[in-house]
């Protein structure tokens, strides 16, 4: 992250103010949240069964 500290797009992504905008060369916070929550829900479903 050090090399991106002056990148405005990275700062916007890090702030969380625009979750639909992807980090440069990565995914948006919205996509990240969806991916992590989906995986977590799958783990919980596996534990419950």
PDB file of N, CA and C in Angstrom:
ATOM      1  N   UNK A   1       0.822  -1.197   0.000  1.00  0.00           N
ATOM      2  CA  UNK A   1       0.000   0.000   0.000  1.00  0.00           C
ATOM      3  C   UNK A   1       0.864   1.257   0.000  1.00  0.00           C
ATOM      4  N   UNK A   2       2.109   1.122   0.406  1.00  0.00           N
ATOM      5  CA  UNK A   2       2.972   2.298   0.486  1.00  0.00           C
ATOM      6  C   UNK A   2       3.145   2.974  -0.868  1.00  0.00           C
ATOM      7  N   UNK A   3       3.283   2.172  -1.928  1.00  0.00           N
ATOM      8  CA  UNK A   3       3.463   2.764  -3.250  1.00  0.00           C
ATOM      9  C   UNK A   3       2.176   3.394  -3.780  1.00  0.00           C
ATOM     10  N   UNK A   4       1.050   3.128  -3.132  1.00  0.00           N
ATOM     11  CA  UNK A   4      -0.225   3.684  -3.580  1.00  0.00           C
ATOM     12  C   UNK A   4      -0.724   4.805  -2.672  1.00  0.00           C
ATOM     13  N   UNK A   5       0.051   5.186  -1.685  1.00  0.00           N
ATOM     14  CA  UNK A   5      -0.418   6.147  -0.687  1.00  0.00           C
ATOM     15  C   UNK A   5      -0.804   7.501  -1.266  1.00  0.00           C
ATOM     16  N   UNK A   6      -0.256   7.865  -2.413  1.00  0.00           N
ATOM     17  CA  UNK A   6      -0.589   9.145  -3.030  1.00  0.00           C
ATOM     18  C   UNK A   6      -1.583   9.000  -4.180  1.00  0.00           C
ATOM     19  N   UNK A   7      -2.081   7.800  -4.408  1.00  0.00           N
ATOM     20  CA  UNK A   7      -3.030   7.526  -5.488  1.00  0.00           C
ATOM     21  C   UNK A   7      -4.440   7.902  -5.020  1.00  0.00           C
ATOM     22  N   UNK A   8      -5.058   8.867  -5.692  1.00  0.00           N
ATOM     23  CA  UNK A   8      -6.385   9.335  -5.286  1.00  0.00           C
ATOM     24  C   UNK A   8      -7.432   8.225  -5.342  1.00  0.00           C
ATOM     25  N   UNK A   9      -7.353   7.358  -6.350  1.00  0.00           N
ATOM     26  CA  UNK A   9      -8.310   6.258  -6.451  1.00  0.00           C
ATOM     27  C   UNK A   9      -8.159   5.309  -5.263  1.00  0.00           C
ATOM     28  N   UNK A  10      -6.933   5.059  -4.841  1.00  0.00           N
ATOM     29  CA  UNK A  10      -6.692   4.201  -3.683  1.00  0.00           C
ATOM     30  C   UNK A  10      -7.228   4.859  -2.413  1.00  0.00           C
ATOM     31  N   UNK A  11      -7.002   6.152  -2.272  1.00  0.00           N
ATOM     32  CA  UNK A  11      -7.510   6.875  -1.099  1.00  0.00           C
ATOM     33  C   UNK A  11      -9.034   6.806  -1.038  1.00  0.00           C
ATOM     34  N   UNK A  12      -9.696   6.972  -2.193  1.00  0.00           N
ATOM     35  CA  UNK A  12     -11.158   6.874  -2.234  1.00  0.00           C
ATOM     36  C   UNK A  12     -11.615   5.487  -1.816  1.00  0.00           C
ATOM     37  N   UNK A  13     -10.939   4.459  -2.338  1.00  0.00           N
ATOM     38  CA  UNK A  13     -11.308   3.088  -2.004  1.00  0.00           C
ATOM     39  C   UNK A  13     -11.120   2.837  -0.509  1.00  0.00           C
ATOM     40  N   UNK A  14     -10.003   3.301   0.017  1.00  0.00           N
ATOM     41  CA  UNK A  14      -9.679   3.087   1.421  1.00  0.00           C
ATOM     42  C   UNK A  14     -10.665   3.797   2.345  1.00  0.00           C
ATOM     43  N   UNK A  15     -11.147   4.951   1.929  1.00  0.00           N
ATOM     44  CA  UNK A  15     -12.075   5.717   2.762  1.00  0.00           C
ATOM     45  C   UNK A  15     -13.428   5.029   2.897  1.00  0.00           C
ATOM     46  N   UNK A  16     -13.790   4.224   1.911  1.00  0.00           N
ATOM     47  CA  UNK A  16     -15.080   3.549   1.950  1.00  0.00           C
ATOM     48  C   UNK A  16     -16.239   4.419   1.509  1.00  0.00           C
ATOM     49  N   UNK A  17     -15.951   5.640   1.084  1.00  0.00           N
ATOM     50  CA  UNK A  17     -17.016   6.555   0.671  1.00  0.00           C
ATOM     51  C   UNK A  17     -17.662   6.144  -0.646  1.00  0.00           C
ATOM     52  N   UNK A  18     -16.944   5.392  -1.459  1.00  0.00           N
ATOM     53  CA  UNK A  18     -17.456   4.965  -2.764  1.00  0.00           C
ATOM     54  C   UNK A  18     -17.231   3.462  -2.916  1.00  0.00           C
ATOM     55  N   UNK A  19     -18.038   2.639  -2.219  1.00  0.00           N
ATOM     56  CA  UNK A  19     -17.785   1.193  -2.213  1.00  0.00           C
ATOM     57  C   UNK A  19     -17.943   0.518  -3.575  1.00  0.00           C
ATOM     58  N   UNK A  20     -18.560   1.214  -4.519  1.00  0.00           N
ATOM     59  CA  UNK A  20     -18.756   0.619  -5.840  1.00  0.00           C
ATOM     60  C   UNK A  20     -17.548   0.796  -6.757  1.00  0.00           C
ATOM     61  N   UNK A  21     -16.599   1.652  -6.369  1.00  0.00           N
ATOM     62  CA  UNK A  21     -15.420   1.921  -7.189  1.00  0.00           C
ATOM     63  C   UNK A  21     -14.299   0.965  -6.784  1.00  0.00           C
ATOM     64  N   UNK A  22     -13.759   0.211  -7.736  1.00  0.00           N
ATOM     65  CA  UNK A  22     -12.693  -0.734  -7.378  1.00  0.00           C
ATOM     66  C   UNK A  22     -11.365  -0.041  -7.097  1.00  0.00           C
ATOM     67  N   UNK A  23     -10.572  -0.660  -6.237  1.00  0.00           N
ATOM     68  CA  UNK A  23      -9.213  -0.201  -5.998  1.00  0.00           C
ATOM     69  C   UNK A  23      -8.439  -0.445  -7.292  1.00  0.00           C
ATOM     70  N   UNK A  24      -7.458   0.371  -7.597  1.00  0.00           N
ATOM     71  CA  UNK A  24      -6.686   0.130  -8.816  1.00  0.00           C
ATOM     72  C   UNK A  24      -6.133  -1.305  -8.855  1.00  0.00           C
ATOM     73  N   UNK A  25      -6.392  -1.996  -9.936  1.00  0.00           N
ATOM     74  CA  UNK A  25      -5.945  -3.379 -10.151  1.00  0.00           C
ATOM     75  C   UNK A  25      -6.584  -4.358  -9.171  1.00  0.00           C
ATOM     76  N   UNK A  26      -7.779  -4.033  -8.680  1.00  0.00           N
ATOM     77  CA  UNK A  26      -8.434  -4.912  -7.720  1.00  0.00           C
ATOM     78  C   UNK A  26      -9.940  -4.855  -7.826  1.00  0.00           C
ATOM     79  N   UNK A  27     -10.603  -5.116  -6.721  1.00  0.00           N
ATOM     80  CA  UNK A  27     -12.052  -5.162  -6.715  1.00  0.00           C
ATOM     81  C   UNK A  27     -12.618  -4.043  -5.854  1.00  0.00           C
ATOM     82  N   UNK A  28     -13.899  -3.771  -6.037  1.00  0.00           N
ATOM     83  CA  UNK A  28     -14.560  -2.753  -5.232  1.00  0.00           C
ATOM     84  C   UNK A  28     -14.805  -3.303  -3.831  1.00  0.00           C
ATOM     85  N   UNK A  29     -15.069  -2.399  -2.897  1.00  0.00           N
ATOM     86  CA  UNK A  29     -15.392  -2.861  -1.546  1.00  0.00           C
ATOM     87  C   UNK A  29     -16.701  -3.630  -1.560  1.00  0.00           C
ATOM     88  N   UNK A  30     -17.628  -3.210  -2.411  1.00  0.00           N
ATOM     89  CA  UNK A  30     -18.907  -3.913  -2.509  1.00  0.00           C
ATOM     90  C   UNK A  30     -18.685  -5.355  -2.971  1.00  0.00           C
ATOM     91  N   UNK A  31     -17.841  -5.549  -3.983  1.00  0.00           N
ATOM     92  CA  UNK A  31     -17.549  -6.899  -4.471  1.00  0.00           C
ATOM     93  C   UNK A  31     -16.798  -7.707  -3.411  1.00  0.00           C
ATOM     94  N   UNK A  32     -15.858  -7.073  -2.729  1.00  0.00           N
ATOM     95  CA  UNK A  32     -15.109  -7.740  -1.664  1.00  0.00           C
ATOM     96  C   UNK A  32     -16.059  -8.175  -0.544  1.00  0.00           C
ATOM     97  N   UNK A  33     -16.933  -7.269  -0.117  1.00  0.00           N
ATOM     98  CA  UNK A  33     -17.885  -7.590   0.948  1.00  0.00           C
ATOM     99  C   UNK A  33     -18.788  -8.748   0.546  1.00  0.00           C
ATOM    100  N   UNK A  34     -19.278  -8.722  -0.694  1.00  0.00           N
ATOM    101  CA  UNK A  34     -20.143  -9.794  -1.183  1.00  0.00           C
ATOM    102  C   UNK A  34     -19.401 -11.131  -1.179  1.00  0.00           C
ATOM    103  N   UNK A  35     -18.173 -11.133  -1.654  1.00  0.00           N
ATOM    104  CA  UNK A  35     -17.373 -12.359  -1.714  1.00  0.00           C
ATOM    105  C   UNK A  35     -17.111 -12.915  -0.317  1.00  0.00           C
ATOM    106  N   UNK A  36     -16.725 -12.057   0.615  1.00  0.00           N
ATOM    107  CA  UNK A  36     -16.409 -12.501   1.976  1.00  0.00           C
ATOM    108  C   UNK A  36     -17.669 -12.972   2.702  1.00  0.00           C
ATOM    109  N   UNK A  37     -18.755 -12.224   2.577  1.00  0.00           N
ATOM    110  CA  UNK A  37     -20.002 -12.605   3.256  1.00  0.00           C
ATOM    111  C   UNK A  37     -20.564 -13.907   2.700  1.00  0.00           C
ATOM    112  N   UNK A  38     -20.455 -14.088   1.392  1.00  0.00           N
ATOM    113  CA  UNK A  38     -20.926 -15.323   0.770  1.00  0.00           C
ATOM    114  C   UNK A  38     -20.130 -16.521   1.283  1.00  0.00           C
ATOM    115  N   UNK A  39     -18.839 -16.364   1.375  1.00  0.00           N
ATOM    116  CA  UNK A  39     -17.983 -17.436   1.887  1.00  0.00           C
ATOM    117  C   UNK A  39     -18.301 -17.723   3.356  1.00  0.00           C
ATOM    118  N   UNK A  40     -18.464 -16.675   4.136  1.00  0.00           N
ATOM    119  CA  UNK A  40     -18.778 -16.840   5.557  1.00  0.00           C
ATOM    120  C   UNK A  40     -20.115 -17.557   5.726  1.00  0.00           C
ATOM    121  N   UNK A  41     -21.109 -17.168   4.936  1.00  0.00           N
ATOM    122  CA  UNK A  41     -22.419 -17.816   5.007  1.00  0.00           C
ATOM    123  C   UNK A  41     -22.297 -19.301   4.657  1.00  0.00           C
ATOM    124  N   UNK A  42     -21.459 -19.617   3.681  1.00  0.00           N
ATOM    125  CA  UNK A  42     -21.230 -21.015   3.324  1.00  0.00           C
ATOM    126  C   UNK A  42     -20.601 -21.797   4.467  1.00  0.00           C
ATOM    127  N   UNK A  43     -19.675 -21.184   5.161  1.00  0.00           N
ATOM    128  CA  UNK A  43     -19.049 -21.840   6.318  1.00  0.00           C
ATOM    129  C   UNK A  43     -20.072 -22.103   7.419  1.00  0.00           C
ATOM    130  N   UNK A  44     -20.891 -21.112   7.702  1.00  0.00           N
ATOM    131  CA  UNK A  44     -21.921 -21.264   8.741  1.00  0.00           C
ATOM    132  C   UNK A  44     -22.914 -22.351   8.347  1.00  0.00           C
ATOM    133  N   UNK A  45     -23.350 -22.342   7.085  1.00  0.00           N
ATOM    134  CA  UNK A  45     -24.261 -23.388   6.614  1.00  0.00           C
ATOM    135  C   UNK A  45     -23.638 -24.771   6.791  1.00  0.00           C
ATOM    136  N   UNK A  46     -22.351 -24.895   6.501  1.00  0.00           N
ATOM    137  CA  UNK A  46     -21.662 -26.172   6.663  1.00  0.00           C
ATOM    138  C   UNK A  46     -21.590 -26.615   8.113  1.00  0.00           C
ATOM    139  N   UNK A  47     -21.444 -25.672   9.014  1.00  0.00           N
ATOM    140  CA  UNK A  47     -21.382 -25.993  10.445  1.00  0.00           C
ATOM    141  C   UNK A  47     -22.751 -26.430  10.955  1.00  0.00           C
ATOM    142  N   UNK A  48     -23.799 -25.760  10.486  1.00  0.00           N
ATOM    143  CA  UNK A  48     -25.156 -26.049  10.957  1.00  0.00           C
ATOM    144  C   UNK A  48     -25.625 -27.427  10.497  1.00  0.00           C
ATOM    145  N   UNK A  49     -25.230 -27.825   9.294  1.00  0.00           N
ATOM    146  CA  UNK A  49     -25.710 -29.112   8.741  1.00  0.00           C
ATOM    147  C   UNK A  49     -25.088 -30.275   9.394  1.00  0.00           C
TER     148      UNK A  49
END
